[in-house]
N, C-alpha and C. Protein backbone atom coordinates (compact mmCIF):
# COMPACT_ATOMS: atom_id res chain seq x y z
N MET A 1 0.72 -1.38 -0.08
CA MET A 1 -0.08 -0.07 0.20
C MET A 1 0.73 1.09 0.11
N SER A 2 0.44 2.43 -0.33
CA SER A 2 1.12 3.54 -0.48
C SER A 2 0.98 4.74 0.80
N ASP A 3 1.85 5.37 0.87
CA ASP A 3 2.97 6.04 2.03
C ASP A 3 3.07 6.81 1.56
N PHE A 4 2.16 7.83 2.78
CA PHE A 4 2.56 9.52 2.70
C PHE A 4 3.81 9.75 2.38
N LYS A 5 4.33 9.71 3.56
CA LYS A 5 5.70 10.12 3.52
C LYS A 5 6.76 9.92 2.40
N LYS A 6 6.14 8.88 1.63
CA LYS A 6 6.55 8.80 0.29
C LYS A 6 6.38 9.29 -0.67
N TYR A 7 5.14 10.50 -0.21
CA TYR A 7 4.93 11.43 -1.42
C TYR A 7 5.49 12.70 -0.74
N ILE A 8 6.14 13.07 0.01
CA ILE A 8 6.33 14.15 0.69
C ILE A 8 7.27 15.28 -0.53
N PRO A 9 7.92 14.40 -0.64
CA PRO A 9 9.39 15.12 -1.76
C PRO A 9 8.44 15.09 -3.08
N PHE A 10 7.35 15.08 -3.86
CA PHE A 10 6.67 15.45 -4.54
C PHE A 10 5.61 16.94 -4.01
N ILE A 11 5.91 17.35 -3.01
CA ILE A 11 4.82 18.39 -2.43
C ILE A 11 5.93 19.71 -2.66
N VAL A 12 5.23 20.49 -3.57
CA VAL A 12 5.94 21.64 -3.52
C VAL A 12 5.23 22.48 -2.91
N LEU A 13 5.99 23.03 -1.67
CA LEU A 13 5.43 24.04 -1.11
C LEU A 13 5.52 25.47 -1.41
N GLY A 14 4.97 26.90 -1.45
CA GLY A 14 4.80 27.69 -1.61
C GLY A 14 6.08 28.82 -0.76
N ASP A 15 6.08 29.84 -0.84
CA ASP A 15 6.92 30.77 0.32
C ASP A 15 6.75 30.41 1.72
N GLU A 16 7.66 30.43 2.65
CA GLU A 16 8.05 30.37 3.68
C GLU A 16 7.50 31.48 4.35
N LYS A 17 7.30 32.42 3.99
CA LYS A 17 6.58 33.32 4.77
C LYS A 17 5.00 33.93 4.26
N LEU A 18 4.62 34.73 5.43
CA LEU A 18 3.05 34.66 5.12
C LEU A 18 3.00 35.85 3.97
N ILE A 19 2.47 35.66 3.02
CA ILE A 19 2.19 36.53 2.23
C ILE A 19 0.50 36.99 2.06
N ASP A 20 0.39 38.32 2.15
CA ASP A 20 -1.01 38.97 2.03
C ASP A 20 -1.57 40.04 0.79
N GLN A 21 -1.58 39.52 0.28
CA GLN A 21 -2.26 40.06 -0.79
C GLN A 21 -3.48 40.36 -0.91
N PRO A 22 -3.84 41.59 -0.98
CA PRO A 22 -5.29 42.11 -0.78
C PRO A 22 -6.28 41.56 -1.89
N MET A 23 -5.33 41.57 -3.33
CA MET A 23 -6.06 40.83 -4.95
C MET A 23 -6.09 39.66 -4.74
N SER A 24 -5.71 38.82 -3.67
CA SER A 24 -5.42 37.36 -3.80
C SER A 24 -7.12 36.79 -3.23
N LYS A 25 -7.52 36.12 -4.83
CA LYS A 25 -8.76 35.64 -4.19
C LYS A 25 -8.58 34.50 -2.60
N GLY A 26 -7.89 33.74 -2.43
CA GLY A 26 -7.68 32.75 -1.88
C GLY A 26 -6.52 33.03 -0.40
N GLY A 27 -6.62 34.78 -0.22
CA GLY A 27 -6.54 35.45 1.01
C GLY A 27 -5.26 34.92 1.40
N PRO A 28 -4.84 35.64 2.68
CA PRO A 28 -3.25 34.92 3.16
C PRO A 28 -2.97 33.81 2.94
N VAL A 29 -1.47 33.68 2.46
CA VAL A 29 -1.15 31.98 2.18
C VAL A 29 0.40 32.14 2.75
N LYS A 30 0.39 30.98 3.15
CA LYS A 30 2.14 30.48 3.56
C LYS A 30 1.82 28.87 2.90
N PHE A 31 3.41 28.57 3.23
CA PHE A 31 3.46 26.81 2.43
C PHE A 31 2.30 26.63 1.22
N GLY A 32 2.06 27.91 0.73
CA GLY A 32 0.85 27.31 -0.17
C GLY A 32 -0.61 26.77 0.44
N ILE A 33 -0.83 27.12 1.46
CA ILE A 33 -1.90 26.89 2.45
C ILE A 33 -2.11 28.31 2.63
N ASN A 34 -3.62 28.72 2.04
CA ASN A 34 -4.41 29.58 2.53
C ASN A 34 -5.26 29.86 3.39
N ILE A 35 -5.50 30.70 3.86
CA ILE A 35 -6.35 30.84 5.40
C ILE A 35 -7.54 30.25 5.40
N ASP A 36 -8.33 30.09 4.48
CA ASP A 36 -9.44 29.25 4.39
C ASP A 36 -9.28 27.72 4.71
N ASP A 37 -8.17 27.36 3.81
CA ASP A 37 -7.72 25.74 4.44
C ASP A 37 -7.30 25.36 5.86
N TRP A 38 -6.42 26.61 5.93
CA TRP A 38 -5.89 26.35 7.83
C TRP A 38 -7.29 26.50 8.50
N GLN A 39 -8.40 27.36 7.94
CA GLN A 39 -8.86 27.60 9.21
C GLN A 39 -9.94 26.28 9.02
N ARG A 40 -10.23 25.51 7.98
CA ARG A 40 -11.03 24.16 7.75
C ARG A 40 -10.07 23.18 8.35
N TYR A 41 -8.68 23.15 7.91
CA TYR A 41 -7.98 21.91 8.61
C TYR A 41 -6.82 22.11 9.57
N GLY A 42 -6.36 23.18 9.82
CA GLY A 42 -5.73 23.73 10.48
C GLY A 42 -6.29 23.62 12.21
N TYR A 43 -5.38 24.36 13.17
CA TYR A 43 -5.89 24.52 14.75
C TYR A 43 -5.12 25.81 15.23
N ASP A 44 -5.54 25.91 16.26
CA ASP A 44 -5.32 27.11 16.48
C ASP A 44 -3.84 27.60 17.57
N LYS A 45 -2.68 27.46 16.99
CA LYS A 45 -1.46 26.98 17.33
C LYS A 45 -1.05 28.06 18.34
N ASN A 46 -1.78 29.52 18.38
CA ASN A 46 -1.21 30.08 19.29
C ASN A 46 -1.98 29.98 20.90
N LYS A 47 -3.13 29.11 20.51
CA LYS A 47 -3.82 28.95 21.96
C LYS A 47 -4.80 30.45 22.62
N ASP A 48 -5.39 31.08 21.05
CA ASP A 48 -5.74 32.88 21.44
C ASP A 48 -7.25 32.23 21.76
N GLY A 49 -7.47 30.84 21.56
CA GLY A 49 -8.89 30.85 21.05
C GLY A 49 -9.43 30.69 19.77
N LEU A 50 -8.40 30.83 18.85
CA LEU A 50 -9.26 31.64 17.53
C LEU A 50 -8.35 30.51 16.66
N ASN A 51 -8.92 30.43 15.27
CA ASN A 51 -8.09 29.55 14.16
C ASN A 51 -7.98 31.13 13.42
N ASN A 52 -7.07 31.93 13.00
CA ASN A 52 -6.75 32.78 12.67
C ASN A 52 -5.57 33.09 11.44
N ILE A 53 -5.22 34.14 10.90
CA ILE A 53 -3.97 34.67 10.27
C ILE A 53 -2.98 34.65 10.85
N GLU A 54 -2.83 34.75 12.50
CA GLU A 54 -1.74 34.77 13.05
C GLU A 54 -1.34 33.25 13.41
N ASP A 55 -2.37 32.41 13.46
CA ASP A 55 -2.13 31.05 13.69
C ASP A 55 -1.24 30.53 12.00
N LEU A 56 -2.00 31.34 11.19
CA LEU A 56 -1.35 30.30 9.59
C LEU A 56 0.34 31.49 9.71
N ALA A 57 0.37 32.35 10.05
CA ALA A 57 1.77 32.98 9.92
C ALA A 57 2.80 31.79 11.07
N THR A 58 2.08 31.14 11.61
CA THR A 58 3.28 30.26 12.31
C THR A 58 3.31 28.79 12.18
N ILE A 59 2.61 28.16 10.67
CA ILE A 59 2.87 27.47 10.64
C ILE A 59 4.42 26.83 10.06
N THR A 60 4.63 25.85 10.31
CA THR A 60 6.04 25.08 9.70
C THR A 60 5.85 24.22 8.70
N LYS A 61 6.77 23.77 7.77
CA LYS A 61 6.49 22.61 6.77
C LYS A 61 5.82 21.43 7.67
N GLU A 62 5.85 21.07 8.67
CA GLU A 62 5.19 19.77 9.08
C GLU A 62 4.08 19.98 9.39
N ASP A 63 3.20 21.47 9.64
CA ASP A 63 1.72 21.43 9.33
C ASP A 63 1.59 21.40 8.20
N ALA A 64 1.88 21.91 7.24
CA ALA A 64 2.03 22.38 5.90
C ALA A 64 1.41 20.48 5.24
N TYR A 65 2.96 19.96 5.65
CA TYR A 65 2.45 18.55 5.35
C TYR A 65 1.11 17.69 6.07
N SER A 66 1.09 17.68 7.35
CA SER A 66 -0.21 17.76 7.97
C SER A 66 -1.30 17.57 7.03
N LEU A 67 -1.47 19.00 6.89
CA LEU A 67 -2.88 19.57 5.87
C LEU A 67 -3.05 19.00 4.72
N TYR A 68 -1.94 18.59 3.87
CA TYR A 68 -1.71 17.83 2.99
C TYR A 68 -2.16 16.59 2.79
N LYS A 69 -1.79 15.93 3.75
CA LYS A 69 -2.14 14.78 3.89
C LYS A 69 -3.65 14.58 4.88
N LYS A 70 -4.27 15.35 5.10
CA LYS A 70 -5.58 15.17 5.82
C LYS A 70 -6.38 16.19 4.57
N LYS A 71 -6.27 17.16 4.02
CA LYS A 71 -7.10 17.18 2.87
C LYS A 71 -6.70 16.87 1.49
N TYR A 72 -5.58 16.22 1.05
CA TYR A 72 -5.60 15.62 -0.37
C TYR A 72 -5.32 13.89 -0.70
N TRP A 73 -4.77 14.13 0.53
CA TRP A 73 -4.21 12.38 0.39
C TRP A 73 -5.31 11.57 1.24
N ASP A 74 -5.64 11.79 2.29
CA ASP A 74 -6.44 11.06 2.73
C ASP A 74 -8.07 11.15 2.24
N ALA A 75 -8.16 12.13 1.59
CA ALA A 75 -9.53 12.56 0.62
C ALA A 75 -9.57 11.40 -0.41
N ILE A 76 -8.82 10.88 -0.74
CA ILE A 76 -8.58 9.77 -2.10
C ILE A 76 -8.09 8.35 -1.41
N PHE A 77 -8.30 8.49 0.20
CA PHE A 77 -7.67 6.75 0.42
C PHE A 77 -6.43 6.69 -0.32
N ALA A 78 -5.68 7.39 -0.50
CA ALA A 78 -4.31 6.89 -1.37
C ALA A 78 -3.80 6.00 -0.52
N ASP A 79 -3.72 5.95 1.14
CA ASP A 79 -3.63 4.51 1.35
C ASP A 79 -3.52 3.50 1.26
N LYS A 80 -4.67 3.56 0.91
CA LYS A 80 -5.44 1.91 0.23
C LYS A 80 -4.82 1.61 -1.26
N ILE A 81 -4.44 2.39 -1.95
CA ILE A 81 -3.51 2.49 -3.25
C ILE A 81 -2.19 1.74 -3.28
N LYS A 82 -2.44 0.50 -4.05
CA LYS A 82 -1.41 -0.57 -3.87
C LYS A 82 -0.20 0.49 -4.64
N ASN A 83 0.04 0.77 -5.62
CA ASN A 83 1.15 1.44 -6.09
C ASN A 83 1.47 3.18 -5.59
N GLN A 84 2.56 3.41 -5.04
CA GLN A 84 3.02 4.33 -4.57
C GLN A 84 2.74 5.33 -6.00
N SER A 85 3.45 4.75 -6.92
CA SER A 85 3.41 6.13 -8.09
C SER A 85 1.69 6.56 -8.83
N ILE A 86 1.19 5.95 -8.87
CA ILE A 86 -0.31 6.04 -9.21
C ILE A 86 -1.00 6.77 -7.80
N ALA A 87 -0.40 6.34 -6.49
CA ALA A 87 -1.09 7.49 -5.24
C ALA A 87 -0.42 8.69 -5.73
N ASN A 88 0.99 9.21 -5.43
CA ASN A 88 1.24 10.43 -5.96
C ASN A 88 0.84 10.91 -6.78
N THR A 89 0.45 10.57 -8.27
CA THR A 89 0.04 11.32 -8.73
C THR A 89 -1.30 11.72 -9.38
N LEU A 90 -2.24 10.91 -8.53
CA LEU A 90 -3.46 11.04 -8.68
C LEU A 90 -3.45 12.65 -7.16
N CYS A 91 -3.15 11.99 -6.05
CA CYS A 91 -2.70 12.75 -5.54
C CYS A 91 -2.81 14.27 -5.63
N ASP A 92 -1.76 14.67 -6.38
CA ASP A 92 -1.23 15.74 -7.10
C ASP A 92 -2.21 16.15 -7.74
N TRP A 93 -2.78 15.36 -8.53
CA TRP A 93 -3.75 16.05 -9.44
C TRP A 93 -5.00 16.74 -8.85
N TYR A 94 -5.39 15.70 -8.19
CA TYR A 94 -6.50 15.74 -6.84
C TYR A 94 -6.71 17.18 -5.87
N LYS A 95 -5.24 17.64 -5.75
CA LYS A 95 -4.94 18.86 -4.97
C LYS A 95 -5.16 20.08 -6.09
N ASP A 96 -4.98 19.63 -7.13
CA ASP A 96 -5.08 20.95 -8.54
C ASP A 96 -6.33 20.77 -8.88
N ASN A 97 -7.15 19.81 -9.18
CA ASN A 97 -8.40 20.01 -9.42
C ASN A 97 -9.00 18.58 -9.13
N PRO A 98 -10.04 18.10 -7.90
CA PRO A 98 -10.63 17.37 -7.39
C PRO A 98 -11.28 17.05 -8.64
N SER A 99 -12.02 17.34 -9.15
CA SER A 99 -13.46 17.09 -9.74
C SER A 99 -12.43 16.50 -11.16
N ALA A 100 -11.88 17.09 -11.67
CA ALA A 100 -11.14 16.47 -13.11
C ALA A 100 -10.28 15.38 -12.42
N MET A 101 -9.67 15.22 -11.40
CA MET A 101 -9.14 14.14 -11.30
C MET A 101 -10.20 12.65 -10.97
N THR A 102 -11.56 13.09 -10.31
CA THR A 102 -12.45 12.21 -9.72
C THR A 102 -12.82 11.30 -11.25
N LEU A 103 -13.49 12.62 -12.32
CA LEU A 103 -14.09 12.17 -13.60
C LEU A 103 -13.48 11.85 -14.32
N CYS A 104 -12.13 12.39 -14.84
CA CYS A 104 -11.06 11.61 -15.88
C CYS A 104 -10.89 10.13 -15.10
N THR A 105 -10.42 10.13 -14.45
CA THR A 105 -10.29 8.76 -13.80
C THR A 105 -11.50 7.64 -13.86
N LYS A 106 -12.71 7.94 -13.36
CA LYS A 106 -13.86 6.83 -13.64
C LYS A 106 -13.56 6.87 -15.10
N GLU A 107 -13.62 7.88 -15.82
CA GLU A 107 -14.18 7.51 -16.85
C GLU A 107 -12.71 6.44 -17.51
N LEU A 108 -11.55 6.68 -17.36
CA LEU A 108 -10.55 5.98 -17.94
C LEU A 108 -10.67 4.24 -17.27
N LEU A 109 -11.23 4.22 -15.95
CA LEU A 109 -11.93 2.91 -15.67
C LEU A 109 -13.25 2.33 -15.98
N GLN A 110 -14.12 3.25 -16.98
CA GLN A 110 -15.38 3.00 -16.99
C GLN A 110 -16.16 2.70 -16.05
N LEU A 111 -16.02 3.70 -14.89
CA LEU A 111 -16.85 3.33 -14.38
C LEU A 111 -17.90 4.78 -14.16
N PRO A 112 -19.08 4.70 -13.40
CA PRO A 112 -19.98 5.85 -13.86
C PRO A 112 -19.65 6.75 -13.07
N TYR A 113 -20.01 8.08 -13.38
CA TYR A 113 -19.64 9.33 -12.75
C TYR A 113 -20.02 10.00 -11.76
N GLU A 114 -19.81 9.79 -10.63
CA GLU A 114 -20.02 10.63 -9.53
C GLU A 114 -18.90 11.46 -9.09
N ASP A 115 -18.77 12.32 -8.23
CA ASP A 115 -17.68 13.11 -8.27
C ASP A 115 -17.28 12.93 -6.44
N VAL A 116 -17.33 12.04 -6.24
CA VAL A 116 -17.08 11.18 -5.24
C VAL A 116 -15.28 10.30 -5.29
N VAL A 117 -14.62 10.35 -4.47
CA VAL A 117 -13.88 8.99 -5.00
C VAL A 117 -13.81 8.42 -3.59
N ASP A 118 -14.54 6.84 -4.17
CA ASP A 118 -14.69 6.32 -2.95
C ASP A 118 -14.08 4.61 -2.64
N GLU A 119 -14.62 3.80 -2.14
CA GLU A 119 -13.86 2.60 -2.23
C GLU A 119 -14.43 1.58 -3.33
N ILE A 120 -15.41 1.99 -4.24
CA ILE A 120 -15.18 1.27 -5.46
C ILE A 120 -13.95 1.67 -6.74
N LEU A 121 -14.06 2.97 -6.51
CA LEU A 121 -12.85 3.52 -7.58
C LEU A 121 -11.40 2.73 -7.16
N ILE A 122 -11.06 2.77 -5.76
CA ILE A 122 -10.18 2.29 -5.04
C ILE A 122 -9.78 0.86 -5.55
N ALA A 123 -11.15 -0.24 -5.30
CA ALA A 123 -10.81 -1.23 -6.05
C ALA A 123 -10.55 -1.50 -7.60
N PHE A 124 -10.92 -0.50 -8.14
CA PHE A 124 -10.49 -0.64 -9.40
C PHE A 124 -9.46 -0.45 -10.02
N LEU A 125 -8.95 0.60 -9.09
CA LEU A 125 -7.76 1.52 -9.10
C LEU A 125 -6.67 0.17 -9.19
N ASN A 126 -6.83 -0.51 -7.87
CA ASN A 126 -6.18 -2.09 -7.27
C ASN A 126 -5.81 -2.88 -8.52
N LYS A 127 -7.05 -2.99 -9.30
CA LYS A 127 -7.21 -4.40 -10.26
C LYS A 127 -6.31 -4.25 -11.25
N GLN A 128 -6.17 -2.96 -11.47
CA GLN A 128 -5.66 -2.72 -12.87
C GLN A 128 -3.98 -2.89 -12.90
N ASN A 129 -3.28 -3.28 -14.32
CA ASN A 129 -2.08 -3.14 -14.53
C ASN A 129 -1.28 -1.71 -14.06
N PRO A 130 -0.58 -1.99 -13.16
CA PRO A 130 -0.11 -0.36 -12.21
C PRO A 130 0.73 0.58 -13.72
N PHE A 131 1.44 -0.21 -14.40
CA PHE A 131 2.29 0.77 -15.47
C PHE A 131 1.18 1.16 -16.51
N GLN A 132 0.27 0.20 -16.82
CA GLN A 132 -0.54 0.66 -17.92
C GLN A 132 -1.57 2.01 -17.09
N LEU A 133 -2.27 1.25 -16.19
CA LEU A 133 -3.18 2.71 -15.71
C LEU A 133 -2.46 3.42 -15.37
N PHE A 134 -1.11 3.92 -14.97
CA PHE A 134 -0.45 5.04 -14.52
C PHE A 134 0.13 6.09 -15.74
N THR A 135 0.15 5.14 -17.01
CA THR A 135 0.51 5.84 -18.25
C THR A 135 -0.18 6.22 -18.86
N ALA A 136 -1.48 5.98 -18.17
CA ALA A 136 -3.38 6.54 -18.99
C ALA A 136 -3.38 7.60 -17.75
N ILE A 137 -3.27 7.63 -16.97
CA ILE A 137 -3.41 8.74 -15.82
C ILE A 137 -2.61 10.12 -16.28
N GLN A 138 -1.76 9.78 -16.62
CA GLN A 138 -0.66 10.74 -16.91
C GLN A 138 -1.10 11.62 -18.56
N LYS A 139 -1.32 10.91 -19.38
CA LYS A 139 -1.70 11.06 -20.65
C LYS A 139 -3.11 11.54 -20.46
N ALA A 140 -4.32 11.08 -19.59
CA ALA A 140 -5.08 11.55 -19.32
C ALA A 140 -5.01 13.52 -18.65
N ARG A 141 -4.09 13.06 -17.47
CA ARG A 141 -3.76 14.64 -17.05
C ARG A 141 -2.97 16.09 -18.32
N THR A 142 -2.24 15.07 -19.33
CA THR A 142 -1.87 16.15 -19.74
C THR A 142 -3.04 16.38 -20.82
N THR A 143 -3.65 16.04 -21.90
CA THR A 143 -4.86 15.96 -22.43
C THR A 143 -5.70 16.94 -21.81
N TYR A 144 -6.28 16.77 -20.55
CA TYR A 144 -7.29 17.43 -19.68
C TYR A 144 -6.67 18.95 -19.52
N GLU A 145 -5.18 18.92 -19.56
CA GLU A 145 -4.62 20.34 -19.35
C GLU A 145 -4.38 21.31 -20.78
N ASN A 146 -3.96 20.52 -21.64
CA ASN A 146 -4.19 21.14 -22.89
C ASN A 146 -5.40 21.19 -23.54
N ASN A 147 -6.72 20.51 -23.38
CA ASN A 147 -8.05 21.03 -23.40
C ASN A 147 -8.03 21.87 -22.73
N ILE A 148 -7.79 22.24 -21.69
CA ILE A 148 -8.09 24.19 -20.65
C ILE A 148 -7.39 24.76 -21.73
N VAL A 149 -6.49 24.96 -21.62
CA VAL A 149 -5.69 25.85 -22.71
C VAL A 149 -6.86 26.01 -23.93
N ALA A 150 -6.68 25.29 -24.80
CA ALA A 150 -7.50 25.11 -26.02
C ALA A 150 -8.63 25.82 -25.95
N PHE A 151 -9.44 26.09 -24.78
CA PHE A 151 -11.00 26.66 -24.27
C PHE A 151 -10.22 27.86 -23.73
N ASN A 152 -9.09 28.13 -22.93
CA ASN A 152 -8.83 29.26 -22.71
C ASN A 152 -7.31 30.15 -23.18
N PRO A 153 -7.16 30.07 -24.35
CA PRO A 153 -6.01 30.58 -24.57
C PRO A 153 -5.19 31.37 -23.88
N HIS A 154 -5.93 32.32 -22.94
CA HIS A 154 -5.13 33.44 -22.55
C HIS A 154 -3.80 32.34 -20.82
N LEU A 155 -4.75 31.21 -20.91
CA LEU A 155 -3.97 30.31 -20.02
C LEU A 155 -2.58 29.53 -20.63
N LYS A 156 -2.51 29.53 -21.95
CA LYS A 156 -2.01 29.18 -22.66
C LYS A 156 0.14 29.35 -21.83
N ASP A 157 0.06 30.53 -21.26
CA ASP A 157 1.83 30.77 -20.74
C ASP A 157 2.09 30.27 -19.32
N GLN A 158 0.67 28.92 -18.97
CA GLN A 158 0.61 28.56 -17.76
C GLN A 158 1.11 26.65 -18.00
N LEU A 159 0.62 26.64 -19.11
CA LEU A 159 0.53 24.90 -20.07
C LEU A 159 1.79 24.46 -19.33
N LYS A 160 3.42 25.13 -19.34
CA LYS A 160 4.34 24.39 -19.90
C LYS A 160 4.70 24.28 -18.53
N SER A 161 4.09 24.69 -17.26
CA SER A 161 4.37 24.54 -16.04
C SER A 161 3.58 23.28 -15.43
N LYS A 162 2.47 23.54 -16.14
CA LYS A 162 1.92 22.33 -15.72
C LYS A 162 2.54 20.67 -16.32
N ILE A 163 2.68 21.13 -17.31
CA ILE A 163 2.74 19.56 -18.25
C ILE A 163 4.21 19.58 -17.38
N ASP A 164 5.15 20.26 -16.96
CA ASP A 164 6.65 19.82 -16.32
C ASP A 164 6.01 19.28 -14.92
N ASN A 165 5.01 19.76 -14.02
CA ASN A 165 4.64 19.00 -13.19
C ASN A 165 4.09 17.54 -13.37
N ILE A 166 3.35 17.47 -14.32
CA ILE A 166 2.90 16.49 -14.50
C ILE A 166 4.35 15.27 -14.84
N ILE A 167 5.04 15.56 -15.73
CA ILE A 167 6.07 14.81 -16.10
C ILE A 167 7.19 13.99 -14.89
N ARG A 168 7.28 15.23 -14.04
CA ARG A 168 7.86 14.85 -12.47
C ARG A 168 7.46 13.62 -11.87
N PHE A 169 6.35 13.25 -12.19
CA PHE A 169 5.66 12.04 -11.47
C PHE A 169 6.43 10.51 -12.62
N LYS A 170 7.01 9.85 -11.95
CA LYS A 170 7.56 8.51 -12.67
C LYS A 170 7.14 7.47 -12.03
N PHE A 171 7.23 5.90 -12.99
CA PHE A 171 6.46 5.22 -12.71
C PHE A 171 7.52 3.76 -11.75
N SER A 172 7.01 4.04 -11.05
CA SER A 172 8.01 2.91 -9.87
C SER A 172 7.26 1.71 -9.71
N GLU A 173 8.03 0.52 -9.83
CA GLU A 173 7.59 -0.62 -8.95
C GLU A 173 8.29 -1.19 -7.83
N PRO A 174 7.46 -1.40 -7.05
CA PRO A 174 8.24 -2.06 -6.11
C PRO A 174 9.39 -3.16 -6.26
N ILE A 175 10.30 -3.41 -5.32
CA ILE A 175 11.05 -4.36 -5.85
C ILE A 175 10.23 -5.31 -4.81
N PRO A 176 10.40 -6.51 -5.43
CA PRO A 176 9.38 -7.86 -4.37
C PRO A 176 10.65 -8.09 -3.30
N LYS A 177 10.49 -8.21 -2.06
CA LYS A 177 11.30 -8.57 -1.37
C LYS A 177 11.96 -9.79 -1.25
N LYS A 178 13.42 -10.37 -1.15
CA LYS A 178 13.46 -11.75 -1.72
C LYS A 178 13.27 -12.68 -0.53
N LYS A 179 12.90 -14.06 -0.76
CA LYS A 179 12.48 -15.27 0.06
C LYS A 179 13.96 -15.49 0.52
N PRO A 180 14.01 -16.02 2.06
CA PRO A 180 14.89 -16.05 1.98
C PRO A 180 15.06 -17.41 2.16
N ALA A 181 17.04 -17.72 1.62
CA ALA A 181 17.02 -18.99 0.85
C ALA A 181 16.85 -20.17 1.75
N LYS A 182 16.41 -21.39 1.33
CA LYS A 182 16.30 -22.28 2.55
C LYS A 182 17.55 -23.27 2.74
């Protein structure tokens, strides 16, 4: 089964200092986590009875990783996905666009579409040839991003970074443990 600790190197955290730009729709942000997410998944770090910007300002990388685990990894039951590479790329896609990840993955597996990751989806994922599924997921992600730009040409300057993000995920199969010689 997959392990969140092996996904951590793929998490790209934003600035280590609090950024509060009034025009930003997400509000104040630190390590890529905005105030809304911190209030929903975080906690009152300074113990003043509030979960607010002062708490967000003091979060550490470990706090950010904890939030990523709760909000993204656990939301897709990634611990139950047999192949780490598949879990990593699906979690990353879910972080960027939960509905697209769910829709496209269910479409790949020819499952009825519901915008929910459930045990049925996980069971189907685990029944597939891991390499073929990983390759299909990466192709679906790339196609999805290209289609977004086709319909929104003003986003073309973001396409290269989106594709670069997708291809940084590589397939790897766990090496089977050797049985001790008798």
